[in-house]
Amino acid sequence: MGPVNPILSLTLARDAGRLQHGGLAVLVAAGIGYVWNALCLRWHAPTPNMAG
């Protein structure tokens, strides 16, 4: 799955109710060799004017 993993993980966590408004989500990925990545983000629930 590769690059889809962080998006899939966020979607599954949201659908399971594990992401709360204002909560912190940490995504970590490791690749082959010296490739790695990490991201921290603050989760905000969509507002009516964000639906597009």
C-alpha atoms as a PDB file:
ATOM      1  CA  MET A   1       0.000   0.000   0.000  1.00  0.00           C
ATOM      2  CA  GLY A   2       2.904   2.361   0.639  1.00  0.00           C
ATOM      3  CA  PRO A   3       1.931   6.046   0.374  1.00  0.00           C
ATOM      4  CA  VAL A   4      -1.733   5.256   1.046  1.00  0.00           C
ATOM      5  CA  ASN A   5      -1.059   3.968   4.594  1.00  0.00           C
ATOM      6  CA  PRO A   6      -1.235   7.346   6.434  1.00  0.00           C
ATOM      7  CA  ILE A   7      -4.453   8.326   4.662  1.00  0.00           C
ATOM      8  CA  LEU A   8      -5.995   4.910   5.268  1.00  0.00           C
ATOM      9  CA  SER A   9      -4.928   4.975   8.928  1.00  0.00           C
ATOM     10  CA  LEU A  10      -6.516   8.398   9.488  1.00  0.00           C
ATOM     11  CA  THR A  11      -9.714   7.289   7.761  1.00  0.00           C
ATOM     12  CA  LEU A  12      -9.958   4.101   9.830  1.00  0.00           C
ATOM     13  CA  ALA A  13      -9.258   5.989  13.072  1.00  0.00           C
ATOM     14  CA  ARG A  14     -11.882   8.609  12.208  1.00  0.00           C
ATOM     15  CA  ASP A  15     -14.481   5.985  11.307  1.00  0.00           C
ATOM     16  CA  ALA A  16     -13.772   4.086  14.556  1.00  0.00           C
ATOM     17  CA  GLY A  17     -14.268   7.272  16.598  1.00  0.00           C
ATOM     18  CA  ARG A  18     -10.640   7.344  17.773  1.00  0.00           C
ATOM     19  CA  LEU A  19     -10.002  10.899  16.552  1.00  0.00           C
ATOM     20  CA  GLN A  20     -11.514  13.592  18.733  1.00  0.00           C
ATOM     21  CA  HIS A  21     -11.802  17.276  17.801  1.00  0.00           C
ATOM     22  CA  GLY A  22      -8.574  18.978  18.877  1.00  0.00           C
ATOM     23  CA  GLY A  23      -6.772  15.650  19.399  1.00  0.00           C
ATOM     24  CA  LEU A  24      -3.213  14.968  18.313  1.00  0.00           C
ATOM     25  CA  ALA A  25      -2.483  12.345  15.652  1.00  0.00           C
ATOM     26  CA  VAL A  26       1.042  11.047  15.055  1.00  0.00           C
ATOM     27  CA  LEU A  27       1.863   9.241  11.814  1.00  0.00           C
ATOM     28  CA  VAL A  28       5.167   7.387  11.397  1.00  0.00           C
ATOM     29  CA  ALA A  29       6.414   5.582   8.292  1.00  0.00           C
ATOM     30  CA  ALA A  30       9.622   3.738   7.477  1.00  0.00           C
ATOM     31  CA  GLY A  31      10.864   2.742   4.076  1.00  0.00           C
ATOM     32  CA  ILE A  32      13.804   0.830   2.664  1.00  0.00           C
ATOM     33  CA  GLY A  33      17.267   2.023   3.659  1.00  0.00           C
ATOM     34  CA  TYR A  34      17.452   5.491   5.176  1.00  0.00           C
ATOM     35  CA  VAL A  35      13.950   6.640   4.264  1.00  0.00           C
ATOM     36  CA  TRP A  36      11.659   7.521   7.171  1.00  0.00           C
ATOM     37  CA  ASN A  37       9.060  10.127   7.952  1.00  0.00           C
ATOM     38  CA  ALA A  38       6.972  11.357  10.864  1.00  0.00           C
ATOM     39  CA  LEU A  39       4.119  13.828  11.121  1.00  0.00           C
ATOM     40  CA  CYS A  40       2.150  15.249  14.050  1.00  0.00           C
ATOM     41  CA  LEU A  41      -1.124  16.953  13.301  1.00  0.00           C
ATOM     42  CA  ARG A  42      -4.003  18.431  15.268  1.00  0.00           C
ATOM     43  CA  TRP A  43      -7.330  16.884  14.229  1.00  0.00           C
ATOM     44  CA  HIS A  44     -10.294  19.205  13.678  1.00  0.00           C
ATOM     45  CA  ALA A  45     -13.728  17.963  12.748  1.00  0.00           C
ATOM     46  CA  PRO A  46     -15.070  19.326   9.463  1.00  0.00           C
ATOM     47  CA  THR A  47     -17.335  22.349   9.677  1.00  0.00           C
ATOM     48  CA  PRO A  48     -20.298  23.008   7.362  1.00  0.00           C
ATOM     49  CA  ASN A  49     -18.351  25.569   5.299  1.00  0.00           C
ATOM     50  CA  MET A  50     -15.541  23.006   4.735  1.00  0.00           C
ATOM     51  CA  ALA A  51     -17.899  20.660   2.856  1.00  0.00           C
ATOM     52  CA  GLY A  52     -17.428  21.466  -0.671  1.00  0.00           C
END
